């Protein structure tokens, strides 16, 4: 099952990059719980979402805000009904043209062959600075 999930997740991330949201939503359980530990004032489509409709809203918000140029798994650890993925992402803001790139960590649980829980961690300070086009904390 590990190899099956590895293939599914690789295909899923490619679909995200291509904006194929119907494909992505098909891989998500109706009872999905999504939590992105990120600044929602900068990325309002992230945060805490529950249920497929809320996840669809988050995904559509992300695609409306950014053109995804990269969404590449760097490493995956899959165990039974759980996975941890380190992911390189790069998106270009459709409003400002600014590029936002960095590493994400995704921690997932599966149920009934679908993703039922997704927790996302990012270097949120770095991502926010890129999105806003300025440093938020001055260096020494």
Protein backbone atom coordinates (compact mmCIF):
# COMPACT_ATOMS: atom_id res chain seq x y z
CA UNK A 1 0.00 0.00 0.00
CA UNK A 2 2.97 2.30 0.63
CA UNK A 3 3.95 2.31 -3.05
CA UNK A 4 0.34 2.94 -4.07
CA UNK A 5 0.09 5.98 -1.77
CA UNK A 6 3.50 7.25 -2.94
CA UNK A 7 2.25 7.18 -6.55
CA UNK A 8 -1.09 8.74 -5.64
CA UNK A 9 0.50 11.59 -3.70
CA UNK A 10 3.02 12.32 -6.47
CA UNK A 11 0.15 12.49 -8.98
CA UNK A 12 -1.90 14.60 -6.58
CA UNK A 13 0.84 17.23 -6.18
CA UNK A 14 1.26 17.38 -9.97
CA UNK A 15 -2.50 17.98 -10.27
CA UNK A 16 -2.27 20.84 -7.75
CA UNK A 17 0.48 22.46 -9.80
CA UNK A 18 -1.67 22.13 -12.94
CA UNK A 19 -4.76 23.53 -11.19
CA UNK A 20 -6.75 20.30 -11.68
CA UNK A 21 -8.91 20.84 -8.62
CA UNK A 22 -11.58 18.24 -9.45
CA UNK A 23 -8.85 15.58 -9.47
CA UNK A 24 -7.52 16.85 -6.13
CA UNK A 25 -10.98 16.99 -4.54
CA UNK A 26 -11.65 13.41 -5.63
CA UNK A 27 -8.73 12.32 -3.43
CA UNK A 28 -10.16 14.06 -0.37
CA UNK A 29 -12.52 12.43 2.11
CA UNK A 30 -15.87 14.14 2.72
CA UNK A 31 -14.89 14.58 6.39
CA UNK A 32 -11.47 16.13 5.69
CA UNK A 33 -9.91 18.24 8.42
CA UNK A 34 -7.37 20.68 7.01
CA UNK A 35 -5.20 22.86 9.19
CA UNK A 36 -2.54 25.13 7.72
CA UNK A 37 -0.35 26.77 10.33
CA UNK A 38 0.09 29.96 8.34
CA UNK A 39 -0.74 33.66 8.57
CA UNK A 40 -4.34 33.85 7.36
CA UNK A 41 -4.22 37.64 7.05
CA UNK A 42 -1.67 37.12 4.26
CA UNK A 43 -3.06 33.80 2.95
CA UNK A 44 -6.81 34.01 3.75
CA UNK A 45 -7.63 30.78 1.89
CA UNK A 46 -5.59 28.76 4.42
CA UNK A 47 -6.19 28.26 8.15
CA UNK A 48 -8.56 25.63 9.56
CA UNK A 49 -11.14 24.02 7.26
CA UNK A 50 -13.43 21.07 7.84
CA UNK A 51 -15.35 19.13 5.19
CA UNK A 52 -14.93 18.78 1.45
CA UNK A 53 -16.86 21.98 0.62
CA UNK A 54 -14.57 24.03 2.87
CA UNK A 55 -11.52 22.33 1.37
CA UNK A 56 -12.80 23.12 -2.12
CA UNK A 57 -13.15 26.76 -1.12
CA UNK A 58 -9.55 26.79 0.18
CA UNK A 59 -8.17 25.17 -2.98
CA UNK A 60 -10.10 27.52 -5.27
CA UNK A 61 -8.90 30.48 -3.20
CA UNK A 62 -5.28 29.34 -3.57
CA UNK A 63 -5.59 28.91 -7.35
CA UNK A 64 -7.32 32.28 -7.70
CA UNK A 65 -4.54 33.96 -5.71
CA UNK A 66 -1.52 32.13 -7.15
CA UNK A 67 -0.32 30.47 -10.32
CA UNK A 68 1.50 27.37 -9.06
CA UNK A 69 4.81 26.96 -10.85
CA UNK A 70 6.18 24.18 -8.64
CA UNK A 71 4.65 21.67 -6.27
CA UNK A 72 7.32 18.99 -5.96
CA UNK A 73 7.65 16.34 -3.25
CA UNK A 74 11.21 16.26 -1.94
CA UNK A 75 10.71 13.36 0.46
CA UNK A 76 7.89 11.10 1.60
CA UNK A 77 7.49 8.79 4.54
CA UNK A 78 4.41 6.58 4.36
CA UNK A 79 3.32 4.22 7.09
CA UNK A 80 0.05 2.33 7.04
CA UNK A 81 -2.63 5.06 7.00
CA UNK A 82 -0.29 8.04 7.50
CA UNK A 83 2.14 10.06 5.42
CA UNK A 84 4.63 12.88 5.93
CA UNK A 85 5.74 14.85 2.87
CA UNK A 86 8.35 17.58 2.50
CA UNK A 87 7.31 19.68 -0.46
CA UNK A 88 8.94 22.48 -2.47
CA UNK A 89 6.37 24.97 -3.72
CA UNK A 90 6.56 28.11 -5.77
CA UNK A 91 3.61 30.29 -6.71
CA UNK A 92 3.31 33.62 -8.45
CA UNK A 93 0.72 36.05 -7.12
CA UNK A 94 -1.91 36.80 -9.75
CA UNK A 95 -2.35 40.29 -8.23
CA UNK A 96 1.20 41.48 -7.51
CA UNK A 97 3.34 39.18 -9.67
CA UNK A 98 5.50 38.39 -6.63
CA UNK A 99 6.95 34.91 -6.35
CA UNK A 100 6.47 33.01 -3.10
CA UNK A 101 8.50 29.87 -2.69
CA UNK A 102 9.60 27.59 0.07
CA UNK A 103 9.27 24.27 1.78
CA UNK A 104 6.06 22.90 3.23
CA UNK A 105 5.59 19.93 5.52
CA UNK A 106 2.39 17.95 5.05
CA UNK A 107 1.23 15.38 7.57
CA UNK A 108 -1.72 13.25 6.40
CA UNK A 109 -4.02 10.51 7.56
CA UNK A 110 -6.00 8.34 5.18
CA UNK A 111 -9.40 6.71 5.55
CA UNK A 112 -11.36 4.75 2.96
CA UNK A 113 -8.60 5.38 0.40
CA UNK A 114 -8.82 9.18 0.74
CA UNK A 115 -7.10 11.95 2.68
CA UNK A 116 -9.12 12.58 5.85
CA UNK A 117 -6.66 14.82 7.69
CA UNK A 118 -4.01 17.23 6.37
CA UNK A 119 -1.84 19.40 8.57
CA UNK A 120 0.42 21.87 6.79
CA UNK A 121 3.44 23.65 8.23
CA UNK A 122 5.46 26.35 6.46
CA UNK A 123 8.11 28.94 7.16
CA UNK A 124 5.30 31.44 7.48
CA UNK A 125 7.47 34.48 8.20
CA UNK A 126 9.49 33.94 5.03
CA UNK A 127 6.35 33.24 2.97
CA UNK A 128 4.60 36.34 4.30
CA UNK A 129 7.64 38.53 3.56
CA UNK A 130 7.76 37.25 -0.01
CA UNK A 131 4.02 37.74 -0.50
CA UNK A 132 4.09 41.27 0.95
CA UNK A 133 7.36 42.24 -0.75
CA UNK A 134 9.04 43.51 2.41
CA UNK A 135 10.81 42.33 5.55
CA UNK A 136 8.59 42.03 8.59
CA UNK A 137 11.44 41.78 11.06
CA UNK A 138 14.53 43.95 10.62
CA UNK A 139 17.87 42.18 10.77
CA UNK A 140 20.75 43.19 13.08
